[in-house]
Amino acid sequence: MNVLKRISLAMRVIAVGELALINFDCEKILVKKIIAATAEVYGISVTDLMSNRRKPEFTEARHAAILLTVRCTKWSYPEIGRFFDRDHTTVMYAHKKLERKPNPGLEYRLEIIKRKAKMA
């Protein structure tokens, strides 16, 4: 491979890497908006939503935020877990629990959260 082809290839790899970083940053901002909107819809603070407290109103809101993050990003369970300061198995549990049990009230809240997160 000649030098120009190598340089061209290297520039494409760098561009793809930068695009991935930009996409990750955009998704990070989206997740922050999802968390803020979820806290607002559930009537709790962001601090409570992100805390380790196990009160039902906090865990339900946290699970809703995790479910929306799984649906709206391309992040893996471990990446989502790191963002929420949780283990990836907690993210898997929240995702499977809410996907398995149909709840019209939850789906309605998720729609409201999605709209608020996109508007913010």
PDB file of N, CA and C in Angstrom:
ATOM      1  N   MET A   1       0.854  -1.177   0.000  1.00  0.00           N
ATOM      2  CA  MET A   1       0.000   0.000   0.000  1.00  0.00           C
ATOM      3  C   MET A   1       0.903   1.245   0.000  1.00  0.00           C
ATOM      4  N   ASN A   2       0.602   2.170  -0.895  1.00  0.00           N
ATOM      5  CA  ASN A   2       1.454   3.353  -0.921  1.00  0.00           C
ATOM      6  C   ASN A   2       1.085   4.334   0.198  1.00  0.00           C
ATOM      7  N   VAL A   3       1.900   5.325   0.376  1.00  0.00           N
ATOM      8  CA  VAL A   3       1.770   6.264   1.488  1.00  0.00           C
ATOM      9  C   VAL A   3       0.444   7.028   1.436  1.00  0.00           C
ATOM     10  N   LEU A   4       0.022   7.470   0.256  1.00  0.00           N
ATOM     11  CA  LEU A   4      -1.234   8.232   0.134  1.00  0.00           C
ATOM     12  C   LEU A   4      -2.440   7.394   0.537  1.00  0.00           C
ATOM     13  N   LYS A   5      -2.439   6.126   0.159  1.00  0.00           N
ATOM     14  CA  LYS A   5      -3.557   5.245   0.531  1.00  0.00           C
ATOM     15  C   LYS A   5      -3.578   5.043   2.046  1.00  0.00           C
ATOM     16  N   ARG A   6      -2.417   4.895   2.649  1.00  0.00           N
ATOM     17  CA  ARG A   6      -2.347   4.716   4.105  1.00  0.00           C
ATOM     18  C   ARG A   6      -2.849   5.961   4.833  1.00  0.00           C
ATOM     19  N   ILE A   7      -2.440   7.120   4.349  1.00  0.00           N
ATOM     20  CA  ILE A   7      -2.896   8.377   4.959  1.00  0.00           C
ATOM     21  C   ILE A   7      -4.408   8.517   4.814  1.00  0.00           C
ATOM     22  N   SER A   8      -4.919   8.211   3.633  1.00  0.00           N
ATOM     23  CA  SER A   8      -6.359   8.293   3.378  1.00  0.00           C
ATOM     24  C   SER A   8      -7.130   7.349   4.302  1.00  0.00           C
ATOM     25  N   LEU A   9      -6.625   6.123   4.426  1.00  0.00           N
ATOM     26  CA  LEU A   9      -7.258   5.143   5.306  1.00  0.00           C
ATOM     27  C   LEU A   9      -7.223   5.613   6.759  1.00  0.00           C
ATOM     28  N   ALA A  10      -6.086   6.130   7.195  1.00  0.00           N
ATOM     29  CA  ALA A  10      -5.955   6.625   8.571  1.00  0.00           C
ATOM     30  C   ALA A  10      -6.919   7.776   8.833  1.00  0.00           C
ATOM     31  N   MET A  11      -7.084   8.661   7.853  1.00  0.00           N
ATOM     32  CA  MET A  11      -8.004   9.794   8.023  1.00  0.00           C
ATOM     33  C   MET A  11      -9.445   9.312   8.127  1.00  0.00           C
ATOM     34  N   ARG A  12      -9.801   8.273   7.360  1.00  0.00           N
ATOM     35  CA  ARG A  12     -11.159   7.725   7.452  1.00  0.00           C
ATOM     36  C   ARG A  12     -11.397   7.087   8.809  1.00  0.00           C
ATOM     37  N   VAL A  13     -10.404   6.374   9.315  1.00  0.00           N
ATOM     38  CA  VAL A  13     -10.534   5.747  10.632  1.00  0.00           C
ATOM     39  C   VAL A  13     -10.700   6.817  11.711  1.00  0.00           C
ATOM     40  N   ILE A  14      -9.932   7.878  11.641  1.00  0.00           N
ATOM     41  CA  ILE A  14     -10.044   8.974  12.612  1.00  0.00           C
ATOM     42  C   ILE A  14     -11.414   9.617  12.507  1.00  0.00           C
ATOM     43  N   ALA A  15     -11.896   9.845  11.284  1.00  0.00           N
ATOM     44  CA  ALA A  15     -13.207  10.467  11.092  1.00  0.00           C
ATOM     45  C   ALA A  15     -14.303   9.595  11.673  1.00  0.00           C
ATOM     46  N   VAL A  16     -14.225   8.290  11.456  1.00  0.00           N
ATOM     47  CA  VAL A  16     -15.229   7.380  12.009  1.00  0.00           C
ATOM     48  C   VAL A  16     -15.163   7.399  13.526  1.00  0.00           C
ATOM     49  N   GLY A  17     -13.957   7.412  14.075  1.00  0.00           N
ATOM     50  CA  GLY A  17     -13.795   7.474  15.528  1.00  0.00           C
ATOM     51  C   GLY A  17     -14.376   8.748  16.107  1.00  0.00           C
ATOM     52  N   GLU A  18     -14.144   9.880  15.440  1.00  0.00           N
ATOM     53  CA  GLU A  18     -14.702  11.151  15.904  1.00  0.00           C
ATOM     54  C   GLU A  18     -16.217  11.134  15.813  1.00  0.00           C
ATOM     55  N   LEU A  19     -16.749  10.543  14.750  1.00  0.00           N
ATOM     56  CA  LEU A  19     -18.199  10.436  14.597  1.00  0.00           C
ATOM     57  C   LEU A  19     -18.795   9.607  15.723  1.00  0.00           C
ATOM     58  N   ALA A  20     -18.110   8.522  16.097  1.00  0.00           N
ATOM     59  CA  ALA A  20     -18.582   7.685  17.201  1.00  0.00           C
ATOM     60  C   ALA A  20     -18.578   8.475  18.504  1.00  0.00           C
ATOM     61  N   LEU A  21     -17.541   9.295  18.722  1.00  0.00           N
ATOM     62  CA  LEU A  21     -17.487  10.114  19.939  1.00  0.00           C
ATOM     63  C   LEU A  21     -18.608  11.148  19.955  1.00  0.00           C
ATOM     64  N   ILE A  22     -18.855  11.768  18.809  1.00  0.00           N
ATOM     65  CA  ILE A  22     -19.944  12.752  18.728  1.00  0.00           C
ATOM     66  C   ILE A  22     -21.270  12.075  19.001  1.00  0.00           C
ATOM     67  N   ASN A  23     -21.481  10.897  18.405  1.00  0.00           N
ATOM     68  CA  ASN A  23     -22.722  10.157  18.616  1.00  0.00           C
ATOM     69  C   ASN A  23     -22.873   9.782  20.088  1.00  0.00           C
ATOM     70  N   PHE A  24     -21.775   9.349  20.717  1.00  0.00           N
ATOM     71  CA  PHE A  24     -21.816   8.990  22.137  1.00  0.00           C
ATOM     72  C   PHE A  24     -22.171  10.203  22.980  1.00  0.00           C
ATOM     73  N   ASP A  25     -21.580  11.361  22.665  1.00  0.00           N
ATOM     74  CA  ASP A  25     -21.881  12.578  23.416  1.00  0.00           C
ATOM     75  C   ASP A  25     -23.343  12.974  23.247  1.00  0.00           C
ATOM     76  N   CYS A  26     -23.878  12.845  22.039  1.00  0.00           N
ATOM     77  CA  CYS A  26     -25.284  13.169  21.796  1.00  0.00           C
ATOM     78  C   CYS A  26     -26.190  12.242  22.600  1.00  0.00           C
ATOM     79  N   GLU A  27     -25.836  10.945  22.625  1.00  0.00           N
ATOM     80  CA  GLU A  27     -26.635   9.991  23.392  1.00  0.00           C
ATOM     81  C   GLU A  27     -26.522  10.279  24.890  1.00  0.00           C
ATOM     82  N   LYS A  28     -25.350  10.717  25.331  1.00  0.00           N
ATOM     83  CA  LYS A  28     -25.149  11.050  26.742  1.00  0.00           C
ATOM     84  C   LYS A  28     -26.059  12.217  27.138  1.00  0.00           C
ATOM     85  N   ILE A  29     -26.143  13.211  26.264  1.00  0.00           N
ATOM     86  CA  ILE A  29     -27.027  14.356  26.511  1.00  0.00           C
ATOM     87  C   ILE A  29     -28.476  13.894  26.530  1.00  0.00           C
ATOM     88  N   LEU A  30     -28.840  13.008  25.599  1.00  0.00           N
ATOM     89  CA  LEU A  30     -30.205  12.478  25.552  1.00  0.00           C
ATOM     90  C   LEU A  30     -30.550  11.752  26.851  1.00  0.00           C
ATOM     91  N   VAL A  31     -29.626  10.942  27.346  1.00  0.00           N
ATOM     92  CA  VAL A  31     -29.879  10.192  28.586  1.00  0.00           C
ATOM     93  C   VAL A  31     -30.053  11.147  29.763  1.00  0.00           C
ATOM     94  N   LYS A  32     -29.254  12.202  29.811  1.00  0.00           N
ATOM     95  CA  LYS A  32     -29.417  13.194  30.877  1.00  0.00           C
ATOM     96  C   LYS A  32     -30.795  13.842  30.800  1.00  0.00           C
ATOM     97  N   LYS A  33     -31.266  14.098  29.588  1.00  0.00           N
ATOM     98  CA  LYS A  33     -32.601  14.673  29.407  1.00  0.00           C
ATOM     99  C   LYS A  33     -33.678  13.661  29.817  1.00  0.00           C
ATOM    100  N   ILE A  34     -33.472  12.389  29.495  1.00  0.00           N
ATOM    101  CA  ILE A  34     -34.418  11.336  29.894  1.00  0.00           C
ATOM    102  C   ILE A  34     -34.502  11.277  31.411  1.00  0.00           C
ATOM    103  N   ILE A  35     -33.372  11.342  32.081  1.00  0.00           N
ATOM    104  CA  ILE A  35     -33.346  11.285  33.551  1.00  0.00           C
ATOM    105  C   ILE A  35     -34.088  12.477  34.137  1.00  0.00           C
ATOM    106  N   ALA A  36     -33.821  13.676  33.623  1.00  0.00           N
ATOM    107  CA  ALA A  36     -34.488  14.880  34.137  1.00  0.00           C
ATOM    108  C   ALA A  36     -35.993  14.820  33.885  1.00  0.00           C
ATOM    109  N   ALA A  37     -36.386  14.381  32.693  1.00  0.00           N
ATOM    110  CA  ALA A  37     -37.814  14.294  32.363  1.00  0.00           C
ATOM    111  C   ALA A  37     -38.509  13.226  33.200  1.00  0.00           C
ATOM    112  N   THR A  38     -37.831  12.117  33.431  1.00  0.00           N
ATOM    113  CA  THR A  38     -38.403  11.043  34.255  1.00  0.00           C
ATOM    114  C   THR A  38     -38.636  11.531  35.679  1.00  0.00           C
ATOM    115  N   ALA A  39     -37.650  12.218  36.230  1.00  0.00           N
ATOM    116  CA  ALA A  39     -37.792  12.755  37.587  1.00  0.00           C
ATOM    117  C   ALA A  39     -38.965  13.720  37.651  1.00  0.00           C
ATOM    118  N   GLU A  40     -39.109  14.557  36.640  1.00  0.00           N
ATOM    119  CA  GLU A  40     -40.215  15.521  36.612  1.00  0.00           C
ATOM    120  C   GLU A  40     -41.568  14.814  36.520  1.00  0.00           C
ATOM    121  N   VAL A  41     -41.687  13.835  35.640  1.00  0.00           N
ATOM    122  CA  VAL A  41     -42.959  13.117  35.463  1.00  0.00           C
ATOM    123  C   VAL A  41     -43.333  12.347  36.719  1.00  0.00           C
ATOM    124  N   TYR A  42     -42.359  11.741  37.375  1.00  0.00           N
ATOM    125  CA  TYR A  42     -42.625  10.961  38.585  1.00  0.00           C
ATOM    126  C   TYR A  42     -42.684  11.825  39.845  1.00  0.00           C
ATOM    127  N   GLY A  43     -42.345  13.098  39.728  1.00  0.00           N
ATOM    128  CA  GLY A  43     -42.432  14.004  40.862  1.00  0.00           C
ATOM    129  C   GLY A  43     -41.372  13.773  41.926  1.00  0.00           C
ATOM    130  N   ILE A  44     -40.191  13.368  41.491  1.00  0.00           N
ATOM    131  CA  ILE A  44     -39.081  13.166  42.419  1.00  0.00           C
ATOM    132  C   ILE A  44     -37.879  13.959  41.908  1.00  0.00           C
ATOM    133  N   SER A  45     -36.852  14.076  42.730  1.00  0.00           N
ATOM    134  CA  SER A  45     -35.655  14.799  42.295  1.00  0.00           C
ATOM    135  C   SER A  45     -34.747  13.858  41.508  1.00  0.00           C
ATOM    136  N   VAL A  46     -33.875  14.447  40.717  1.00  0.00           N
ATOM    137  CA  VAL A  46     -32.894  13.661  39.964  1.00  0.00           C
ATOM    138  C   VAL A  46     -31.974  12.929  40.935  1.00  0.00           C
ATOM    139  N   THR A  47     -31.657  13.564  42.035  1.00  0.00           N
ATOM    140  CA  THR A  47     -30.810  12.941  43.059  1.00  0.00           C
ATOM    141  C   THR A  47     -31.453  11.667  43.592  1.00  0.00           C
ATOM    142  N   ASP A  48     -32.762  11.718  43.862  1.00  0.00           N
ATOM    143  CA  ASP A  48     -33.469  10.523  44.341  1.00  0.00           C
ATOM    144  C   ASP A  48     -33.507   9.443  43.266  1.00  0.00           C
ATOM    145  N   LEU A  49     -33.720   9.848  42.026  1.00  0.00           N
ATOM    146  CA  LEU A  49     -33.775   8.878  40.935  1.00  0.00           C
ATOM    147  C   LEU A  49     -32.440   8.154  40.776  1.00  0.00           C
ATOM    148  N   MET A  50     -31.347   8.869  40.932  1.00  0.00           N
ATOM    149  CA  MET A  50     -30.024   8.281  40.748  1.00  0.00           C
ATOM    150  C   MET A  50     -29.462   7.649  42.030  1.00  0.00           C
ATOM    151  N   SER A  51     -30.169   7.792  43.139  1.00  0.00           N
ATOM    152  CA  SER A  51     -29.660   7.286  44.419  1.00  0.00           C
ATOM    153  C   SER A  51     -29.786   5.768  44.505  1.00  0.00           C
ATOM    154  N   ASN A  52     -29.280   5.219  45.586  1.00  0.00           N
ATOM    155  CA  ASN A  52     -29.381   3.775  45.833  1.00  0.00           C
ATOM    156  C   ASN A  52     -30.612   3.417  46.655  1.00  0.00           C
ATOM    157  N   ARG A  53     -31.431   4.402  46.952  1.00  0.00           N
ATOM    158  CA  ARG A  53     -32.614   4.150  47.771  1.00  0.00           C
ATOM    159  C   ARG A  53     -33.581   3.235  47.039  1.00  0.00           C
ATOM    160  N   ARG A  54     -34.281   2.388  47.798  1.00  0.00           N
ATOM    161  CA  ARG A  54     -35.127   1.358  47.194  1.00  0.00           C
ATOM    162  C   ARG A  54     -36.616   1.603  47.373  1.00  0.00           C
ATOM    163  N   LYS A  55     -36.991   2.827  47.684  1.00  0.00           N
ATOM    164  CA  LYS A  55     -38.421   3.120  47.802  1.00  0.00           C
ATOM    165  C   LYS A  55     -39.084   2.833  46.459  1.00  0.00           C
ATOM    166  N   PRO A  56     -40.290   2.284  46.479  1.00  0.00           N
ATOM    167  CA  PRO A  56     -40.954   1.907  45.218  1.00  0.00           C
ATOM    168  C   PRO A  56     -41.077   3.048  44.205  1.00  0.00           C
ATOM    169  N   GLU A  57     -41.342   4.258  44.680  1.00  0.00           N
ATOM    170  CA  GLU A  57     -41.484   5.372  43.731  1.00  0.00           C
ATOM    171  C   GLU A  57     -40.153   5.714  43.057  1.00  0.00           C
ATOM    172  N   PHE A  58     -39.038   5.491  43.765  1.00  0.00           N
ATOM    173  CA  PHE A  58     -37.724   5.759  43.180  1.00  0.00           C
ATOM    174  C   PHE A  58     -37.321   4.648  42.217  1.00  0.00           C
ATOM    175  N   THR A  59     -37.551   3.407  42.627  1.00  0.00           N
ATOM    176  CA  THR A  59     -37.150   2.296  41.755  1.00  0.00           C
ATOM    177  C   THR A  59     -38.001   2.254  40.487  1.00  0.00           C
ATOM    178  N   GLU A  60     -39.286   2.551  40.602  1.00  0.00           N
ATOM    179  CA  GLU A  60     -40.137   2.564  39.405  1.00  0.00           C
ATOM    180  C   GLU A  60     -39.669   3.630  38.422  1.00  0.00           C
ATOM    181  N   ALA A  61     -39.361   4.806  38.927  1.00  0.00           N
ATOM    182  CA  ALA A  61     -38.876   5.884  38.068  1.00  0.00           C
ATOM    183  C   ALA A  61     -37.514   5.519  37.466  1.00  0.00           C
ATOM    184  N   ARG A  62     -36.640   4.963  38.277  1.00  0.00           N
ATOM    185  CA  ARG A  62     -35.309   4.569  37.800  1.00  0.00           C
ATOM    186  C   ARG A  62     -35.422   3.514  36.705  1.00  0.00           C
ATOM    187  N   HIS A  63     -36.293   2.527  36.922  1.00  0.00           N
ATOM    188  CA  HIS A  63     -36.486   1.482  35.920  1.00  0.00           C
ATOM    189  C   HIS A  63     -37.064   2.057  34.625  1.00  0.00           C
ATOM    190  N   ALA A  64     -37.957   3.025  34.739  1.00  0.00           N
ATOM    191  CA  ALA A  64     -38.520   3.664  33.541  1.00  0.00           C
ATOM    192  C   ALA A  64     -37.412   4.396  32.771  1.00  0.00           C
ATOM    193  N   ALA A  65     -36.544   5.100  33.482  1.00  0.00           N
ATOM    194  CA  ALA A  65     -35.436   5.811  32.834  1.00  0.00           C
ATOM    195  C   ALA A  65     -34.476   4.830  32.172  1.00  0.00           C
ATOM    196  N   ILE A  66     -34.220   3.725  32.826  1.00  0.00           N
ATOM    197  CA  ILE A  66     -33.337   2.702  32.259  1.00  0.00           C
ATOM    198  C   ILE A  66     -33.966   2.100  31.005  1.00  0.00           C
ATOM    199  N   LEU A  67     -35.263   1.798  31.067  1.00  0.00           N
ATOM    200  CA  LEU A  67     -35.956   1.227  29.906  1.00  0.00           C
ATOM    201  C   LEU A  67     -35.896   2.170  28.718  1.00  0.00           C
ATOM    202  N   LEU A  68     -36.149   3.452  28.941  1.00  0.00           N
ATOM    203  CA  LEU A  68     -36.072   4.421  27.847  1.00  0.00           C
ATOM    204  C   LEU A  68     -34.648   4.546  27.310  1.00  0.00           C
ATOM    205  N   THR A  69     -33.675   4.473  28.180  1.00  0.00           N
ATOM    206  CA  THR A  69     -32.281   4.536  27.737  1.00  0.00           C
ATOM    207  C   THR A  69     -31.952   3.336  26.853  1.00  0.00           C
ATOM    208  N   VAL A  70     -32.416   2.161  27.238  1.00  0.00           N
ATOM    209  CA  VAL A  70     -32.202   0.969  26.411  1.00  0.00           C
ATOM    210  C   VAL A  70     -32.869   1.147  25.046  1.00  0.00           C
ATOM    211  N   ARG A  71     -34.098   1.665  25.042  1.00  0.00           N
ATOM    212  CA  ARG A  71     -34.844   1.827  23.792  1.00  0.00           C
ATOM    213  C   ARG A  71     -34.293   2.934  22.901  1.00  0.00           C
ATOM    214  N   CYS A  72     -33.771   4.006  23.487  1.00  0.00           N
ATOM    215  CA  CYS A  72     -33.410   5.202  22.711  1.00  0.00           C
ATOM    216  C   CYS A  72     -31.922   5.309  22.359  1.00  0.00           C
ATOM    217  N   THR A  73     -31.101   4.448  22.920  1.00  0.00           N
ATOM    218  CA  THR A  73     -29.668   4.512  22.608  1.00  0.00           C
ATOM    219  C   THR A  73     -29.203   3.158  22.099  1.00  0.00           C
ATOM    220  N   LYS A  74     -27.982   3.145  21.617  1.00  0.00           N
ATOM    221  CA  LYS A  74     -27.372   1.889  21.164  1.00  0.00           C
ATOM    222  C   LYS A  74     -26.377   1.388  22.203  1.00  0.00           C
ATOM    223  N   TRP A  75     -26.487   1.877  23.424  1.00  0.00           N
ATOM    224  CA  TRP A  75     -25.562   1.503  24.483  1.00  0.00           C
ATOM    225  C   TRP A  75     -25.807   0.068  24.926  1.00  0.00           C
ATOM    226  N   SER A  76     -24.744  -0.570  25.370  1.00  0.00           N
ATOM    227  CA  SER A  76     -24.859  -1.911  25.925  1.00  0.00           C
ATOM    228  C   SER A  76     -25.336  -1.806  27.381  1.00  0.00           C
ATOM    229  N   TYR A  77     -25.721  -2.943  27.939  1.00  0.00           N
ATOM    230  CA  TYR A  77     -26.144  -2.957  29.345  1.00  0.00           C
ATOM    231  C   TYR A  77     -25.038  -2.442  30.273  1.00  0.00           C
ATOM    232  N   PRO A  78     -23.776  -2.861  30.087  1.00  0.00           N
ATOM    233  CA  PRO A  78     -22.723  -2.332  30.963  1.00  0.00           C
ATOM    234  C   PRO A  78     -22.542  -0.819  30.847  1.00  0.00           C
ATOM    235  N   GLU A  79     -22.667  -0.266  29.628  1.00  0.00           N
ATOM    236  CA  GLU A  79     -22.540   1.185  29.461  1.00  0.00           C
ATOM    237  C   GLU A  79     -23.664   1.915  30.193  1.00  0.00           C
ATOM    238  N   ILE A  80     -24.872   1.403  30.065  1.00  0.00           N
ATOM    239  CA  ILE A  80     -26.016   2.014  30.757  1.00  0.00           C
ATOM    240  C   ILE A  80     -25.827   1.877  32.264  1.00  0.00           C
ATOM    241  N   GLY A  81     -25.371   0.710  32.699  1.00  0.00           N
ATOM    242  CA  GLY A  81     -25.123   0.491  34.117  1.00  0.00           C
ATOM    243  C   GLY A  81     -24.115   1.483  34.684  1.00  0.00           C
ATOM    244  N   ARG A  82     -23.040   1.727  33.940  1.00  0.00           N
ATOM    245  CA  ARG A  82     -22.035   2.694  34.405  1.00  0.00           C
ATOM    246  C   ARG A  82     -22.631   4.092  34.503  1.00  0.00           C
ATOM    247  N   PHE A  83     -23.481   4.454  33.548  1.00  0.00           N
ATOM    248  CA  PHE A  83     -24.073   5.785  33.568  1.00  0.00           C
ATOM    249  C   PHE A  83     -24.998   5.952  34.777  1.00  0.00           C
ATOM    250  N   PHE A  84     -25.764   4.908  35.096  1.00  0.00           N
ATOM    251  CA  PHE A  84     -26.690   4.958  36.228  1.00  0.00           C
ATOM    252  C   PHE A  84     -26.036   4.509  37.531  1.00  0.00           C
ATOM    253  N   ASP A  85     -24.751   4.215  37.500  1.00  0.00           N
ATOM    254  CA  ASP A  85     -24.005   3.727  38.663  1.00  0.00           C
ATOM    255  C   ASP A  85     -24.627   2.439  39.204  1.00  0.00           C
ATOM    256  N   ARG A  86     -24.912   1.533  38.278  1.00  0.00           N
ATOM    257  CA  ARG A  86     -25.512   0.242  38.604  1.00  0.00           C
ATOM    258  C   ARG A  86     -24.746  -0.862  37.879  1.00  0.00           C
ATOM    259  N   ASP A  87     -24.962  -2.085  38.310  1.00  0.00           N
ATOM    260  CA  ASP A  87     -24.399  -3.234  37.632  1.00  0.00           C
ATOM    261  C   ASP A  87     -25.214  -3.506  36.360  1.00  0.00           C
ATOM    262  N   HIS A  88     -24.594  -4.115  35.354  1.00  0.00           N
ATOM    263  CA  HIS A  88     -25.320  -4.380  34.110  1.00  0.00           C
ATOM    264  C   HIS A  88     -26.494  -5.335  34.325  1.00  0.00           C
ATOM    265  N   THR A  89     -26.400  -6.208  35.336  1.00  0.00           N
ATOM    266  CA  THR A  89     -27.511  -7.131  35.588  1.00  0.00           C
ATOM    267  C   THR A  89     -28.736  -6.393  36.121  1.00  0.00           C
ATOM    268  N   THR A  90     -28.520  -5.295  36.820  1.00  0.00           N
ATOM    269  CA  THR A  90     -29.636  -4.465  37.279  1.00  0.00           C
ATOM    270  C   THR A  90     -30.354  -3.842  36.080  1.00  0.00           C
ATOM    271  N   VAL A  91     -29.576  -3.410  35.107  1.00  0.00           N
ATOM    272  CA  VAL A  91     -30.152  -2.838  33.887  1.00  0.00           C
ATOM    273  C   VAL A  91     -30.938  -3.910  33.140  1.00  0.00           C
ATOM    274  N   MET A  92     -30.370  -5.104  33.041  1.00  0.00           N
ATOM    275  CA  MET A  92     -31.068  -6.212  32.368  1.00  0.00           C
ATOM    276  C   MET A  92     -32.385  -6.526  33.084  1.00  0.00           C
ATOM    277  N   TYR A  93     -32.338  -6.583  34.401  1.00  0.00           N
ATOM    278  CA  TYR A  93     -33.534  -6.882  35.187  1.00  0.00           C
ATOM    279  C   TYR A  93     -34.614  -5.833  34.950  1.00  0.00           C
ATOM    280  N   ALA A  94     -34.252  -4.550  35.022  1.00  0.00           N
ATOM    281  CA  ALA A  94     -35.225  -3.474  34.821  1.00  0.00           C
ATOM    282  C   ALA A  94     -35.827  -3.546  33.424  1.00  0.00           C
ATOM    283  N   HIS A  95     -34.993  -3.762  32.433  1.00  0.00           N
ATOM    284  CA  HIS A  95     -35.449  -3.828  31.044  1.00  0.00           C
ATOM    285  C   HIS A  95     -36.415  -4.994  30.852  1.00  0.00           C
ATOM    286  N   LYS A  96     -36.005  -6.180  31.279  1.00  0.00           N
ATOM    287  CA  LYS A  96     -36.842  -7.372  31.084  1.00  0.00           C
ATOM    288  C   LYS A  96     -38.119  -7.307  31.909  1.00  0.00           C
ATOM    289  N   LYS A  97     -38.028  -6.778  33.116  1.00  0.00           N
ATOM    290  CA  LYS A  97     -39.196  -6.684  33.991  1.00  0.00           C
ATOM    291  C   LYS A  97     -40.282  -5.816  33.360  1.00  0.00           C
ATOM    292  N   LEU A  98     -39.892  -4.654  32.842  1.00  0.00           N
ATOM    293  CA  LEU A  98     -40.882  -3.734  32.286  1.00  0.00           C
ATOM    294  C   LEU A  98     -41.342  -4.152  30.895  1.00  0.00           C
ATOM    295  N   GLU A  99     -40.498  -4.812  30.128  1.00  0.00           N
ATOM    296  CA  GLU A  99     -40.895  -5.279  28.797  1.00  0.00           C
ATOM    297  C   GLU A  99     -41.837  -6.480  28.898  1.00  0.00           C
ATOM    298  N   ARG A 100     -41.646  -7.294  29.923  1.00  0.00           N
ATOM    299  CA  ARG A 100     -42.420  -8.519  30.083  1.00  0.00           C
ATOM    300  C   ARG A 100     -43.848  -8.243  30.548  1.00  0.00           C
ATOM    301  N   LYS A 101     -43.999  -7.234  31.407  1.00  0.00           N
ATOM    302  CA  LYS A 101     -45.285  -6.967  32.024  1.00  0.00           C
ATOM    303  C   LYS A 101     -45.934  -5.750  31.368  1.00  0.00           C
ATOM    304  N   PRO A 102     -46.904  -5.962  30.447  1.00  0.00           N
ATOM    305  CA  PRO A 102     -47.524  -4.803  29.799  1.00  0.00           C
ATOM    306  C   PRO A 102     -48.298  -3.948  30.802  1.00  0.00           C
ATOM    307  N   ASN A 103     -48.062  -2.655  30.735  1.00  0.00           N
ATOM    308  CA  ASN A 103     -48.698  -1.725  31.657  1.00  0.00           C
ATOM    309  C   ASN A 103     -49.039  -0.458  30.873  1.00  0.00           C
ATOM    310  N   PRO A 104     -50.331  -0.250  30.558  1.00  0.00           N
ATOM    311  CA  PRO A 104     -50.698   0.929  29.765  1.00  0.00           C
ATOM    312  C   PRO A 104     -50.316   2.242  30.449  1.00  0.00           C
ATOM    313  N   GLY A 105     -50.393   2.295  31.763  1.00  0.00           N
ATOM    314  CA  GLY A 105     -50.020   3.501  32.497  1.00  0.00           C
ATOM    315  C   GLY A 105     -48.553   3.822  32.338  1.00  0.00           C
ATOM    316  N   LEU A 106     -47.720   2.780  32.365  1.00  0.00           N
ATOM    317  CA  LEU A 106     -46.283   2.968  32.198  1.00  0.00           C
ATOM    318  C   LEU A 106     -45.969   3.445  30.776  1.00  0.00           C
ATOM    319  N   GLU A 107     -46.594   2.827  29.784  1.00  0.00           N
ATOM    320  CA  GLU A 107     -46.338   3.229  28.390  1.00  0.00           C
ATOM    321  C   GLU A 107     -46.740   4.685  28.170  1.00  0.00           C
ATOM    322  N   TYR A 108     -47.821   5.105  28.795  1.00  0.00           N
ATOM    323  CA  TYR A 108     -48.265   6.504  28.694  1.00  0.00           C
ATOM    324  C   TYR A 108     -47.210   7.437  29.303  1.00  0.00           C
ATOM    325  N   ARG A 109     -46.711   7.068  30.486  1.00  0.00           N
ATOM    326  CA  ARG A 109     -45.667   7.876  31.134  1.00  0.00           C
ATOM    327  C   ARG A 109     -44.390   7.911  30.295  1.00  0.00           C
ATOM    328  N   LEU A 110     -44.047   6.777  29.698  1.00  0.00           N
ATOM    329  CA  LEU A 110     -42.847   6.727  28.865  1.00  0.00           C
ATOM    330  C   LEU A 110     -42.975   7.656  27.657  1.00  0.00           C
ATOM    331  N   GLU A 111     -44.161   7.728  27.077  1.00  0.00           N
ATOM    332  CA  GLU A 111     -44.395   8.641  25.945  1.00  0.00           C
ATOM    333  C   GLU A 111     -44.216  10.098  26.382  1.00  0.00           C
ATOM    334  N   ILE A 112     -44.760  10.428  27.554  1.00  0.00           N
ATOM    335  CA  ILE A 112     -44.620  11.796  28.074  1.00  0.00           C
ATOM    336  C   ILE A 112     -43.143  12.105  28.316  1.00  0.00           C
ATOM    337  N   ILE A 113     -42.427  11.169  28.912  1.00  0.00           N
ATOM    338  CA  ILE A 113     -41.002  11.372  29.195  1.00  0.00           C
ATOM    339  C   ILE A 113     -40.231  11.565  27.896  1.00  0.00           C
ATOM    340  N   LYS A 114     -40.522  10.742  26.889  1.00  0.00           N
ATOM    341  CA  LYS A 114     -39.828  10.868  25.599  1.00  0.00           C
ATOM    342  C   LYS A 114     -40.060  12.238  24.987  1.00  0.00           C
ATOM    343  N   ARG A 115     -41.298  12.707  25.031  1.00  0.00           N
ATOM    344  CA  ARG A 115     -41.607  14.032  24.460  1.00  0.00           C
ATOM    345  C   ARG A 115     -40.902  15.129  25.226  1.00  0.00           C
ATOM    346  N   LYS A 116     -40.914  15.057  26.556  1.00  0.00           N
ATOM    347  CA  LYS A 116     -40.235  16.087  27.349  1.00  0.00           C
ATOM    348  C   LYS A 116     -38.725  16.061  27.113  1.00  0.00           C
ATOM    349  N   ALA A 117     -38.150  14.875  27.005  1.00  0.00           N
ATOM    350  CA  ALA A 117     -36.705  14.762  26.796  1.00  0.00           C
ATOM    351  C   ALA A 117     -36.310  15.328  25.426  1.00  0.00           C
ATOM    352  N   LYS A 118     -37.122  15.132  24.432  1.00  0.00           N
ATOM    353  CA  LYS A 118     -36.797  15.641  23.097  1.00  0.00           C
ATOM    354  C   LYS A 118     -37.005  17.133  23.001  1.00  0.00           C
ATOM    355  N   MET A 119     -37.908  17.686  23.799  1.00  0.00           N
ATOM    356  CA  MET A 119     -38.188  19.118  23.774  1.00  0.00           C
ATOM    357  C   MET A 119     -37.161  19.896  24.596  1.00  0.00           C
ATOM    358  N   ALA A 120     -36.607  19.270  25.635  1.00  0.00           N
ATOM    359  CA  ALA A 120     -35.670  19.970  26.527  1.00  0.00           C
ATOM    360  C   ALA A 120     -34.361  20.276  25.852  1.00  0.00           C
TER     361      ALA A 120
END
